[in-house]
Amino acid sequence: MKIDNNELELESMEMFRCGDKKRAHELEDEFIRQFRESKRNREDHCSCPVATCKHHGRCMECVAIHRGHRDHLPNCLHDMVNEKLRKIVSVTESSLNEFKP
């Protein structure tokens, strides 16, 4: 199952933005149904690039650890956060690299 940029979830967010919460929740429910099915089928849905991660595929444990130490984000969230940061940094013509406090 593809989790990142999942078509159902992308459409769900669009429905939330348009104010159609009922449809958005229906799409979310379908996403979760498919996710649970993929877990039952033992599909590997973990996008962590660290081959030696002992929490591979156990997202709740991984997120709890990262929330606990609050030092950095799980590897699987880096791409999503970096996408958002690129958009923010582009507002200043990506001049963050030259920024000297």
PDB file of N, CA and C in Angstrom:
ATOM      1  N   MET A   1       0.843  -1.183   0.000  1.00  0.00           N
ATOM      2  CA  MET A   1       0.000   0.000   0.000  1.00  0.00           C
ATOM      3  C   MET A   1       0.885   1.242   0.000  1.00  0.00           C
ATOM      4  N   LYS A   2       0.529   2.174  -0.819  1.00  0.00           N
ATOM      5  CA  LYS A   2       1.239   3.450  -0.869  1.00  0.00           C
ATOM      6  C   LYS A   2       0.586   4.401   0.140  1.00  0.00           C
ATOM      7  N   ILE A   3       1.356   4.834   1.122  1.00  0.00           N
ATOM      8  CA  ILE A   3       0.827   5.743   2.132  1.00  0.00           C
ATOM      9  C   ILE A   3       1.131   7.194   1.772  1.00  0.00           C
ATOM     10  N   ASP A   4       2.390   7.478   1.446  1.00  0.00           N
ATOM     11  CA  ASP A   4       2.774   8.849   1.127  1.00  0.00           C
ATOM     12  C   ASP A   4       2.109   9.301  -0.163  1.00  0.00           C
ATOM     13  N   ASN A   5       1.484  10.483  -0.113  1.00  0.00           N
ATOM     14  CA  ASN A   5       0.743  11.021  -1.267  1.00  0.00           C
ATOM     15  C   ASN A   5      -0.328  10.051  -1.761  1.00  0.00           C
ATOM     16  N   ASN A   6      -1.000   9.413  -0.823  1.00  0.00           N
ATOM     17  CA  ASN A   6      -2.068   8.468  -1.151  1.00  0.00           C
ATOM     18  C   ASN A   6      -3.232   9.209  -1.813  1.00  0.00           C
ATOM     19  N   GLU A   7      -3.718   8.669  -2.913  1.00  0.00           N
ATOM     20  CA  GLU A   7      -4.775   9.340  -3.679  1.00  0.00           C
ATOM     21  C   GLU A   7      -6.045   9.568  -2.860  1.00  0.00           C
ATOM     22  N   LEU A   8      -6.438   8.581  -2.039  1.00  0.00           N
ATOM     23  CA  LEU A   8      -7.635   8.751  -1.203  1.00  0.00           C
ATOM     24  C   LEU A   8      -7.450   9.890  -0.207  1.00  0.00           C
ATOM     25  N   GLU A   9      -6.282   9.936   0.417  1.00  0.00           N
ATOM     26  CA  GLU A   9      -6.026  10.973   1.414  1.00  0.00           C
ATOM     27  C   GLU A   9      -5.882  12.348   0.773  1.00  0.00           C
ATOM     28  N   LEU A  10      -5.288  12.408  -0.408  1.00  0.00           N
ATOM     29  CA  LEU A  10      -5.201  13.689  -1.113  1.00  0.00           C
ATOM     30  C   LEU A  10      -6.596  14.205  -1.452  1.00  0.00           C
ATOM     31  N   GLU A  11      -7.448  13.298  -1.919  1.00  0.00           N
ATOM     32  CA  GLU A  11      -8.830  13.700  -2.231  1.00  0.00           C
ATOM     33  C   GLU A  11      -9.579  14.070  -0.953  1.00  0.00           C
ATOM     34  N   SER A  12      -9.325  13.332   0.122  1.00  0.00           N
ATOM     35  CA  SER A  12      -9.963  13.637   1.400  1.00  0.00           C
ATOM     36  C   SER A  12      -9.625  15.051   1.864  1.00  0.00           C
ATOM     37  N   MET A  13      -8.357  15.421   1.767  1.00  0.00           N
ATOM     38  CA  MET A  13      -7.962  16.772   2.173  1.00  0.00           C
ATOM     39  C   MET A  13      -8.623  17.827   1.303  1.00  0.00           C
ATOM     40  N   GLU A  14      -8.766  17.529   0.019  1.00  0.00           N
ATOM     41  CA  GLU A  14      -9.446  18.471  -0.880  1.00  0.00           C
ATOM     42  C   GLU A  14     -10.911  18.632  -0.465  1.00  0.00           C
ATOM     43  N   MET A  15     -11.539  17.536  -0.066  1.00  0.00           N
ATOM     44  CA  MET A  15     -12.937  17.603   0.376  1.00  0.00           C
ATOM     45  C   MET A  15     -13.050  18.426   1.671  1.00  0.00           C
ATOM     46  N   PHE A  16     -12.098  18.256   2.585  1.00  0.00           N
ATOM     47  CA  PHE A  16     -12.095  19.077   3.805  1.00  0.00           C
ATOM     48  C   PHE A  16     -11.997  20.550   3.440  1.00  0.00           C
ATOM     49  N   ARG A  17     -11.085  20.877   2.515  1.00  0.00           N
ATOM     50  CA  ARG A  17     -10.892  22.276   2.111  1.00  0.00           C
ATOM     51  C   ARG A  17     -12.144  22.857   1.452  1.00  0.00           C
ATOM     52  N   CYS A  18     -12.892  21.995   0.750  1.00  0.00           N
ATOM     53  CA  CYS A  18     -14.118  22.445   0.074  1.00  0.00           C
ATOM     54  C   CYS A  18     -15.316  22.476   1.021  1.00  0.00           C
ATOM     55  N   GLY A  19     -15.115  21.995   2.238  1.00  0.00           N
ATOM     56  CA  GLY A  19     -16.203  21.999   3.213  1.00  0.00           C
ATOM     57  C   GLY A  19     -17.056  20.746   3.233  1.00  0.00           C
ATOM     58  N   ASP A  20     -16.708  19.745   2.428  1.00  0.00           N
ATOM     59  CA  ASP A  20     -17.477  18.504   2.384  1.00  0.00           C
ATOM     60  C   ASP A  20     -16.871  17.494   3.368  1.00  0.00           C
ATOM     61  N   LYS A  21     -17.126  17.733   4.660  1.00  0.00           N
ATOM     62  CA  LYS A  21     -16.535  16.895   5.699  1.00  0.00           C
ATOM     63  C   LYS A  21     -17.050  15.462   5.648  1.00  0.00           C
ATOM     64  N   LYS A  22     -18.297  15.287   5.270  1.00  0.00           N
ATOM     65  CA  LYS A  22     -18.860  13.939   5.203  1.00  0.00           C
ATOM     66  C   LYS A  22     -18.082  13.083   4.208  1.00  0.00           C
ATOM     67  N   ARG A  23     -17.878  13.621   3.014  1.00  0.00           N
ATOM     68  CA  ARG A  23     -17.126  12.888   1.985  1.00  0.00           C
ATOM     69  C   ARG A  23     -15.668  12.707   2.415  1.00  0.00           C
ATOM     70  N   ALA A  24     -15.098  13.718   3.029  1.00  0.00           N
ATOM     71  CA  ALA A  24     -13.708  13.630   3.497  1.00  0.00           C
ATOM     72  C   ALA A  24     -13.555  12.482   4.491  1.00  0.00           C
ATOM     73  N   HIS A  25     -14.495  12.365   5.414  1.00  0.00           N
ATOM     74  CA  HIS A  25     -14.424  11.284   6.408  1.00  0.00           C
ATOM     75  C   HIS A  25     -14.649   9.916   5.765  1.00  0.00           C
ATOM     76  N   GLU A  26     -15.498   9.863   4.775  1.00  0.00           N
ATOM     77  CA  GLU A  26     -15.698   8.593   4.057  1.00  0.00           C
ATOM     78  C   GLU A  26     -14.404   8.136   3.389  1.00  0.00           C
ATOM     79  N   LEU A  27     -13.716   9.079   2.772  1.00  0.00           N
ATOM     80  CA  LEU A  27     -12.448   8.751   2.109  1.00  0.00           C
ATOM     81  C   LEU A  27     -11.389   8.344   3.128  1.00  0.00           C
ATOM     82  N   GLU A  28     -11.349   9.030   4.258  1.00  0.00           N
ATOM     83  CA  GLU A  28     -10.411   8.647   5.316  1.00  0.00           C
ATOM     84  C   GLU A  28     -10.706   7.238   5.821  1.00  0.00           C
ATOM     85  N   ASP A  29     -11.986   6.940   6.016  1.00  0.00           N
ATOM     86  CA  ASP A  29     -12.373   5.603   6.476  1.00  0.00           C
ATOM     87  C   ASP A  29     -11.923   4.529   5.495  1.00  0.00           C
ATOM     88  N   GLU A  30     -12.046   4.803   4.206  1.00  0.00           N
ATOM     89  CA  GLU A  30     -11.608   3.845   3.189  1.00  0.00           C
ATOM     90  C   GLU A  30     -10.090   3.684   3.217  1.00  0.00           C
ATOM     91  N   PHE A  31      -9.378   4.788   3.391  1.00  0.00           N
ATOM     92  CA  PHE A  31      -7.922   4.731   3.510  1.00  0.00           C
ATOM     93  C   PHE A  31      -7.523   3.831   4.691  1.00  0.00           C
ATOM     94  N   ILE A  32      -8.160   4.035   5.831  1.00  0.00           N
ATOM     95  CA  ILE A  32      -7.851   3.230   7.021  1.00  0.00           C
ATOM     96  C   ILE A  32      -8.227   1.775   6.800  1.00  0.00           C
ATOM     97  N   ARG A  33      -9.343   1.515   6.127  1.00  0.00           N
ATOM     98  CA  ARG A  33      -9.731   0.136   5.834  1.00  0.00           C
ATOM     99  C   ARG A  33      -8.652  -0.548   4.996  1.00  0.00           C
ATOM    100  N   GLN A  34      -8.184   0.156   3.960  1.00  0.00           N
ATOM    101  CA  GLN A  34      -7.132  -0.404   3.112  1.00  0.00           C
ATOM    102  C   GLN A  34      -5.820  -0.574   3.886  1.00  0.00           C
ATOM    103  N   PHE A  35      -5.519   0.374   4.743  1.00  0.00           N
ATOM    104  CA  PHE A  35      -4.308   0.290   5.545  1.00  0.00           C
ATOM    105  C   PHE A  35      -4.356  -0.930   6.462  1.00  0.00           C
ATOM    106  N   ARG A  36      -5.470  -1.120   7.141  1.00  0.00           N
ATOM    107  CA  ARG A  36      -5.613  -2.273   8.039  1.00  0.00           C
ATOM    108  C   ARG A  36      -5.510  -3.582   7.271  1.00  0.00           C
ATOM    109  N   GLU A  37      -6.097  -3.610   6.092  1.00  0.00           N
ATOM    110  CA  GLU A  37      -6.009  -4.807   5.257  1.00  0.00           C
ATOM    111  C   GLU A  37      -4.551  -5.079   4.871  1.00  0.00           C
ATOM    112  N   SER A  38      -3.817  -4.044   4.528  1.00  0.00           N
ATOM    113  CA  SER A  38      -2.414  -4.223   4.157  1.00  0.00           C
ATOM    114  C   SER A  38      -1.606  -4.726   5.358  1.00  0.00           C
ATOM    115  N   LYS A  39      -1.957  -4.257   6.552  1.00  0.00           N
ATOM    116  CA  LYS A  39      -1.278  -4.747   7.755  1.00  0.00           C
ATOM    117  C   LYS A  39      -1.595  -6.230   7.982  1.00  0.00           C
ATOM    118  N   ARG A  40      -2.865  -6.612   7.792  1.00  0.00           N
ATOM    119  CA  ARG A  40      -3.256  -8.027   7.944  1.00  0.00           C
ATOM    120  C   ARG A  40      -2.509  -8.919   6.958  1.00  0.00           C
ATOM    121  N   ASN A  41      -2.273  -8.371   5.757  1.00  0.00           N
ATOM    122  CA  ASN A  41      -1.549  -9.111   4.725  1.00  0.00           C
ATOM    123  C   ASN A  41      -0.033  -9.009   4.890  1.00  0.00           C
ATOM    124  N   ARG A  42       0.382  -8.390   5.968  1.00  0.00           N
ATOM    125  CA  ARG A  42       1.807  -8.235   6.300  1.00  0.00           C
ATOM    126  C   ARG A  42       2.601  -7.492   5.231  1.00  0.00           C
ATOM    127  N   GLU A  43       1.931  -6.550   4.552  1.00  0.00           N
ATOM    128  CA  GLU A  43       2.630  -5.712   3.582  1.00  0.00           C
ATOM    129  C   GLU A  43       3.555  -4.758   4.325  1.00  0.00           C
ATOM    130  N   ASP A  44       4.686  -4.472   3.742  1.00  0.00           N
ATOM    131  CA  ASP A  44       5.632  -3.538   4.334  1.00  0.00           C
ATOM    132  C   ASP A  44       5.261  -2.139   3.878  1.00  0.00           C
ATOM    133  N   HIS A  45       4.732  -1.338   4.768  1.00  0.00           N
ATOM    134  CA  HIS A  45       4.301   0.017   4.446  1.00  0.00           C
ATOM    135  C   HIS A  45       5.264   1.065   4.994  1.00  0.00           C
ATOM    136  N   CYS A  46       6.292   0.622   5.693  1.00  0.00           N
ATOM    137  CA  CYS A  46       7.218   1.536   6.347  1.00  0.00           C
ATOM    138  C   CYS A  46       8.188   2.139   5.327  1.00  0.00           C
ATOM    139  N   SER A  47       8.266   3.452   5.308  1.00  0.00           N
ATOM    140  CA  SER A  47       9.135   4.123   4.340  1.00  0.00           C
ATOM    141  C   SER A  47      10.472   4.555   4.960  1.00  0.00           C
ATOM    142  N   CYS A  48      10.749   4.078   6.160  1.00  0.00           N
ATOM    143  CA  CYS A  48      12.001   4.452   6.826  1.00  0.00           C
ATOM    144  C   CYS A  48      13.185   3.945   6.009  1.00  0.00           C
ATOM    145  N   PRO A  49      14.113   4.843   5.654  1.00  0.00           N
ATOM    146  CA  PRO A  49      15.259   4.441   4.849  1.00  0.00           C
ATOM    147  C   PRO A  49      16.385   3.787   5.659  1.00  0.00           C
ATOM    148  N   VAL A  50      16.227   3.739   6.978  1.00  0.00           N
ATOM    149  CA  VAL A  50      17.268   3.161   7.829  1.00  0.00           C
ATOM    150  C   VAL A  50      17.047   1.654   7.923  1.00  0.00           C
ATOM    151  N   ALA A  51      17.902   0.912   7.233  1.00  0.00           N
ATOM    152  CA  ALA A  51      17.740  -0.548   7.148  1.00  0.00           C
ATOM    153  C   ALA A  51      17.826  -1.230   8.504  1.00  0.00           C
ATOM    154  N   THR A  52      18.550  -0.654   9.426  1.00  0.00           N
ATOM    155  CA  THR A  52      18.768  -1.283  10.726  1.00  0.00           C
ATOM    156  C   THR A  52      17.778  -0.824  11.799  1.00  0.00           C
ATOM    157  N   CYS A  53      16.751  -0.066  11.415  1.00  0.00           N
ATOM    158  CA  CYS A  53      15.789   0.449  12.392  1.00  0.00           C
ATOM    159  C   CYS A  53      15.052  -0.712  13.062  1.00  0.00           C
ATOM    160  N   LYS A  54      15.158  -0.815  14.372  1.00  0.00           N
ATOM    161  CA  LYS A  54      14.518  -1.924  15.073  1.00  0.00           C
ATOM    162  C   LYS A  54      13.019  -1.708  15.253  1.00  0.00           C
ATOM    163  N   HIS A  55      12.516  -0.540  14.882  1.00  0.00           N
ATOM    164  CA  HIS A  55      11.084  -0.254  14.987  1.00  0.00           C
ATOM    165  C   HIS A  55      10.419  -0.232  13.611  1.00  0.00           C
ATOM    166  N   HIS A  56      11.110  -0.777  12.601  1.00  0.00           N
ATOM    167  CA  HIS A  56      10.600  -0.789  11.227  1.00  0.00           C
ATOM    168  C   HIS A  56       9.182  -1.344  11.191  1.00  0.00           C
ATOM    169  N   GLY A  57       8.264  -0.551  10.637  1.00  0.00           N
ATOM    170  CA  GLY A  57       6.882  -0.982  10.479  1.00  0.00           C
ATOM    171  C   GLY A  57       6.032  -0.850  11.727  1.00  0.00           C
ATOM    172  N   ARG A  58       6.608  -0.381  12.806  1.00  0.00           N
ATOM    173  CA  ARG A  58       5.855  -0.216  14.050  1.00  0.00           C
ATOM    174  C   ARG A  58       5.780   1.289  14.363  1.00  0.00           C
ATOM    175  N   CYS A  59       4.945   1.961  13.609  1.00  0.00           N
ATOM    176  CA  CYS A  59       4.871   3.420  13.632  1.00  0.00           C
ATOM    177  C   CYS A  59       4.552   3.994  15.013  1.00  0.00           C
ATOM    178  N   MET A  60       3.630   3.357  15.726  1.00  0.00           N
ATOM    179  CA  MET A  60       3.268   3.892  17.040  1.00  0.00           C
ATOM    180  C   MET A  60       4.471   3.933  17.965  1.00  0.00           C
ATOM    181  N   GLU A  61       5.276   2.874  17.964  1.00  0.00           N
ATOM    182  CA  GLU A  61       6.470   2.846  18.804  1.00  0.00           C
ATOM    183  C   GLU A  61       7.454   3.928  18.363  1.00  0.00           C
ATOM    184  N   CYS A  62       7.679   4.008  17.076  1.00  0.00           N
ATOM    185  CA  CYS A  62       8.636   4.962  16.514  1.00  0.00           C
ATOM    186  C   CYS A  62       8.235   6.395  16.852  1.00  0.00           C
ATOM    187  N   VAL A  63       6.989   6.737  16.604  1.00  0.00           N
ATOM    188  CA  VAL A  63       6.524   8.099  16.867  1.00  0.00           C
ATOM    189  C   VAL A  63       6.570   8.394  18.361  1.00  0.00           C
ATOM    190  N   ALA A  64       6.216   7.424  19.196  1.00  0.00           N
ATOM    191  CA  ALA A  64       6.263   7.631  20.648  1.00  0.00           C
ATOM    192  C   ALA A  64       7.687   7.942  21.105  1.00  0.00           C
ATOM    193  N   ILE A  65       8.654   7.224  20.572  1.00  0.00           N
ATOM    194  CA  ILE A  65      10.058   7.468  20.925  1.00  0.00           C
ATOM    195  C   ILE A  65      10.466   8.888  20.531  1.00  0.00           C
ATOM    196  N   HIS A  66      10.129   9.286  19.312  1.00  0.00           N
ATOM    197  CA  HIS A  66      10.504  10.621  18.839  1.00  0.00           C
ATOM    198  C   HIS A  66       9.760  11.716  19.600  1.00  0.00           C
ATOM    199  N   ARG A  67       8.509  11.461  19.943  1.00  0.00           N
ATOM    200  CA  ARG A  67       7.788  12.435  20.763  1.00  0.00           C
ATOM    201  C   ARG A  67       8.421  12.524  22.145  1.00  0.00           C
ATOM    202  N   GLY A  68       8.890  11.395  22.637  1.00  0.00           N
ATOM    203  CA  GLY A  68       9.498  11.361  23.964  1.00  0.00           C
ATOM    204  C   GLY A  68      10.771  12.166  24.055  1.00  0.00           C
ATOM    205  N   HIS A  69      11.676  12.009  23.084  1.00  0.00           N
ATOM    206  CA  HIS A  69      12.941  12.739  23.186  1.00  0.00           C
ATOM    207  C   HIS A  69      12.904  14.102  22.517  1.00  0.00           C
ATOM    208  N   ARG A  70      11.946  14.323  21.626  1.00  0.00           N
ATOM    209  CA  ARG A  70      11.721  15.624  20.987  1.00  0.00           C
ATOM    210  C   ARG A  70      12.985  16.238  20.389  1.00  0.00           C
ATOM    211  N   ASP A  71      13.874  15.395  19.897  1.00  0.00           N
ATOM    212  CA  ASP A  71      15.112  15.891  19.310  1.00  0.00           C
ATOM    213  C   ASP A  71      15.012  16.031  17.793  1.00  0.00           C
ATOM    214  N   HIS A  72      14.362  15.091  17.146  1.00  0.00           N
ATOM    215  CA  HIS A  72      14.210  15.127  15.696  1.00  0.00           C
ATOM    216  C   HIS A  72      12.984  14.296  15.309  1.00  0.00           C
ATOM    217  N   LEU A  73      12.622  14.390  14.045  1.00  0.00           N
ATOM    218  CA  LEU A  73      11.454  13.668  13.540  1.00  0.00           C
ATOM    219  C   LEU A  73      11.848  12.287  13.021  1.00  0.00           C
ATOM    220  N   PRO A  74      10.894  11.353  13.015  1.00  0.00           N
ATOM    221  CA  PRO A  74      11.168  10.052  12.394  1.00  0.00           C
ATOM    222  C   PRO A  74      11.562  10.245  10.929  1.00  0.00           C
ATOM    223  N   ASN A  75      12.433   9.391  10.441  1.00  0.00           N
ATOM    224  CA  ASN A  75      12.911   9.490   9.059  1.00  0.00           C
ATOM    225  C   ASN A  75      11.777   9.514   8.043  1.00  0.00           C
ATOM    226  N   CYS A  76      10.704   8.787   8.310  1.00  0.00           N
ATOM    227  CA  CYS A  76       9.604   8.720   7.345  1.00  0.00           C
ATOM    228  C   CYS A  76       8.898  10.059   7.167  1.00  0.00           C
ATOM    229  N   LEU A  77       9.083  10.996   8.092  1.00  0.00           N
ATOM    230  CA  LEU A  77       8.429  12.302   7.987  1.00  0.00           C
ATOM    231  C   LEU A  77       9.324  13.377   7.379  1.00  0.00           C
ATOM    232  N   HIS A  78      10.607  13.082   7.194  1.00  0.00           N
ATOM    233  CA  HIS A  78      11.541  14.086   6.686  1.00  0.00           C
ATOM    234  C   HIS A  78      11.113  14.654   5.335  1.00  0.00           C
ATOM    235  N   ASP A  79      10.754  13.795   4.380  1.00  0.00           N
ATOM    236  CA  ASP A  79      10.370  14.290   3.053  1.00  0.00           C
ATOM    237  C   ASP A  79       9.182  15.235   3.126  1.00  0.00           C
ATOM    238  N   MET A  80       8.170  14.857   3.915  1.00  0.00           N
ATOM    239  CA  MET A  80       6.982  15.685   4.015  1.00  0.00           C
ATOM    240  C   MET A  80       7.314  17.051   4.611  1.00  0.00           C
ATOM    241  N   VAL A  81       8.088  17.077   5.674  1.00  0.00           N
ATOM    242  CA  VAL A  81       8.459  18.342   6.312  1.00  0.00           C
ATOM    243  C   VAL A  81       9.345  19.162   5.381  1.00  0.00           C
ATOM    244  N   ASN A  82      10.298  18.518   4.721  1.00  0.00           N
ATOM    245  CA  ASN A  82      11.175  19.244   3.798  1.00  0.00           C
ATOM    246  C   ASN A  82      10.401  19.850   2.637  1.00  0.00           C
ATOM    247  N   GLU A  83       9.365  19.161   2.150  1.00  0.00           N
ATOM    248  CA  GLU A  83       8.511  19.737   1.095  1.00  0.00           C
ATOM    249  C   GLU A  83       7.879  21.031   1.585  1.00  0.00           C
ATOM    250  N   LYS A  84       7.363  21.010   2.807  1.00  0.00           N
ATOM    251  CA  LYS A  84       6.711  22.202   3.370  1.00  0.00           C
ATOM    252  C   LYS A  84       7.728  23.322   3.588  1.00  0.00           C
ATOM    253  N   LEU A  85       8.904  22.957   4.092  1.00  0.00           N
ATOM    254  CA  LEU A  85       9.933  23.965   4.338  1.00  0.00           C
ATOM    255  C   LEU A  85      10.417  24.595   3.040  1.00  0.00           C
ATOM    256  N   ARG A  86      10.542  23.791   1.984  1.00  0.00           N
ATOM    257  CA  ARG A  86      10.960  24.350   0.688  1.00  0.00           C
ATOM    258  C   ARG A  86       9.994  25.439   0.238  1.00  0.00           C
ATOM    259  N   LYS A  87       8.704  25.208   0.448  1.00  0.00           N
ATOM    260  CA  LYS A  87       7.703  26.210   0.057  1.00  0.00           C
ATOM    261  C   LYS A  87       7.857  27.481   0.890  1.00  0.00           C
ATOM    262  N   ILE A  88       8.100  27.322   2.174  1.00  0.00           N
ATOM    263  CA  ILE A  88       8.251  28.482   3.049  1.00  0.00           C
ATOM    264  C   ILE A  88       9.523  29.252   2.691  1.00  0.00           C
ATOM    265  N   VAL A  89      10.619  28.523   2.512  1.00  0.00           N
ATOM    266  CA  VAL A  89      11.900  29.160   2.210  1.00  0.00           C
ATOM    267  C   VAL A  89      11.856  29.852   0.855  1.00  0.00           C
ATOM    268  N   SER A  90      11.049  29.343  -0.063  1.00  0.00           N
ATOM    269  CA  SER A  90      10.980  29.964  -1.388  1.00  0.00           C
ATOM    270  C   SER A  90      10.408  31.380  -1.328  1.00  0.00           C
ATOM    271  N   VAL A  91       9.682  31.697  -0.266  1.00  0.00           N
ATOM    272  CA  VAL A  91       9.120  33.032  -0.102  1.00  0.00           C
ATOM    273  C   VAL A  91      10.241  34.077  -0.016  1.00  0.00           C
ATOM    274  N   THR A  92      11.392  33.671   0.506  1.00  0.00           N
ATOM    275  CA  THR A  92      12.538  34.582   0.585  1.00  0.00           C
ATOM    276  C   THR A  92      13.587  34.192  -0.448  1.00  0.00           C
ATOM    277  N   GLU A  93      13.101  33.676  -1.579  1.00  0.00           N
ATOM    278  CA  GLU A  93      13.976  33.275  -2.687  1.00  0.00           C
ATOM    279  C   GLU A  93      15.056  32.300  -2.227  1.00  0.00           C
ATOM    280  N   SER A  94      14.670  31.398  -1.326  1.00  0.00           N
ATOM    281  CA  SER A  94      15.573  30.365  -0.815  1.00  0.00           C
ATOM    282  C   SER A  94      16.865  30.946  -0.268  1.00  0.00           C
ATOM    283  N   SER A  95      16.781  32.103   0.363  1.00  0.00           N
ATOM    284  CA  SER A  95      17.980  32.774   0.868  1.00  0.00           C
ATOM    285  C   SER A  95      18.362  32.327   2.277  1.00  0.00           C
ATOM    286  N   LEU A  96      17.720  31.279   2.788  1.00  0.00           N
ATOM    287  CA  LEU A  96      18.013  30.817   4.142  1.00  0.00           C
ATOM    288  C   LEU A  96      19.479  30.406   4.291  1.00  0.00           C
ATOM    289  N   ASN A  97      20.064  29.863   3.236  1.00  0.00           N
ATOM    290  CA  ASN A  97      21.467  29.445   3.314  1.00  0.00           C
ATOM    291  C   ASN A  97      22.403  30.625   3.595  1.00  0.00           C
ATOM    292  N   GLU A  98      22.021  31.809   3.140  1.00  0.00           N
ATOM    293  CA  GLU A  98      22.870  32.981   3.351  1.00  0.00           C
ATOM    294  C   GLU A  98      22.567  33.710   4.648  1.00  0.00           C
ATOM    295  N   PHE A  99      21.532  33.286   5.371  1.00  0.00           N
ATOM    296  CA  PHE A  99      21.107  33.959   6.585  1.00  0.00           C
ATOM    297  C   PHE A  99      22.144  33.826   7.687  1.00  0.00           C
ATOM    298  N   LYS A 100      22.547  34.948   8.247  1.00  0.00           N
ATOM    299  CA  LYS A 100      23.495  34.991   9.362  1.00  0.00           C
ATOM    300  C   LYS A 100      22.814  35.740  10.509  1.00  0.00           C
ATOM    301  N   PRO A 101      22.437  35.028  11.564  1.00  0.00           N
ATOM    302  CA  PRO A 101      21.752  35.712  12.696  1.00  0.00           C
ATOM    303  C   PRO A 101      22.647  36.702  13.413  1.00  0.00           C
TER     304      PRO A 101
END
